[in-house]
Amino acid sequence: MTCVEKERLVSEYETTTSGFAACLTELQRRMGVCSKEEYERLHREVDEARVKSEQARLTLEQHVAAHGC
């Protein structure tokens, strides 16, 4: 039997990790050719995306542990 909530949380985790990867790729692409202000903005975006990804992972792990699915 599938757990709908787990599927939703897995999808959210995949979305947030993809967003993190995209932000990181953009930072790497622009590094060395952008202004200091733009670099700092991109770096903040990477940090925010990383935190969202980590939160999504923790939420998924907590659900699996509590629900046993």
Protein backbone atom coordinates (compact mmCIF):
# COMPACT_ATOMS: atom_id res chain seq x y z
CA MET A 1 0.00 0.00 0.00
CA THR A 2 1.34 3.43 -0.87
CA CYS A 3 1.39 6.38 1.45
CA VAL A 4 0.06 9.49 -0.25
CA GLU A 5 1.74 11.80 2.27
CA LYS A 6 5.11 10.11 1.74
CA GLU A 7 4.73 10.50 -2.02
CA ARG A 8 3.95 14.18 -1.55
CA LEU A 9 6.96 14.66 0.74
CA VAL A 10 9.26 12.81 -1.69
CA SER A 11 8.05 15.05 -4.50
CA GLU A 12 8.63 18.15 -2.37
CA TYR A 13 12.13 16.94 -1.51
CA GLU A 14 12.90 16.32 -5.19
CA THR A 15 11.64 19.79 -6.08
CA THR A 16 13.68 21.51 -3.38
CA THR A 17 16.87 19.60 -4.19
CA SER A 18 16.45 20.44 -7.88
CA GLY A 19 16.01 24.09 -6.93
CA PHE A 20 19.13 23.96 -4.79
CA ALA A 21 21.11 22.40 -7.65
CA ALA A 22 19.87 25.05 -10.07
CA CYS A 23 20.84 27.88 -7.71
CA LEU A 24 24.27 26.36 -7.17
CA THR A 25 24.82 25.91 -10.91
CA GLU A 26 23.91 29.55 -11.51
CA LEU A 27 26.30 30.70 -8.79
CA GLN A 28 29.11 28.62 -10.30
CA ARG A 29 28.32 29.92 -13.79
CA ARG A 30 28.40 33.56 -12.69
CA MET A 31 31.35 33.28 -10.29
CA GLY A 32 34.23 35.48 -11.36
CA VAL A 33 32.21 37.42 -13.93
CA CYS A 34 29.58 39.10 -11.77
CA SER A 35 29.72 41.99 -9.36
CA LYS A 36 30.33 41.41 -5.67
CA GLU A 37 26.72 42.39 -4.93
CA GLU A 38 25.36 39.89 -7.45
CA TYR A 39 27.65 37.18 -6.08
CA GLU A 40 26.42 37.85 -2.54
CA ARG A 41 22.79 37.73 -3.72
CA LEU A 42 23.37 34.45 -5.54
CA HIS A 43 25.17 33.04 -2.51
CA ARG A 44 22.21 33.93 -0.28
CA GLU A 45 19.86 32.23 -2.74
CA VAL A 46 22.00 29.08 -2.63
CA ASP A 47 21.97 29.10 1.17
CA GLU A 48 18.19 29.56 1.27
CA ALA A 49 17.66 26.77 -1.25
CA ARG A 50 19.98 24.47 0.73
CA VAL A 51 18.04 25.10 3.93
CA LYS A 52 14.71 24.42 2.18
CA SER A 53 16.12 21.17 0.81
CA GLU A 54 17.39 20.11 4.24
CA GLN A 55 14.03 20.94 5.82
CA ALA A 56 12.21 18.90 3.20
CA ARG A 57 14.54 15.95 3.82
CA LEU A 58 14.03 16.15 7.58
CA THR A 59 10.26 16.35 7.18
CA LEU A 60 10.32 13.28 4.95
CA GLU A 61 12.56 11.36 7.36
CA GLN A 62 10.35 12.29 10.32
CA HIS A 63 7.24 11.16 8.48
CA VAL A 64 8.80 7.82 7.54
CA ALA A 65 9.98 7.25 11.11
CA ALA A 66 6.62 8.16 12.66
CA HIS A 67 4.40 6.54 10.05
CA GLY A 68 6.53 3.49 9.32
CA CYS A 69 6.10 3.72 5.57
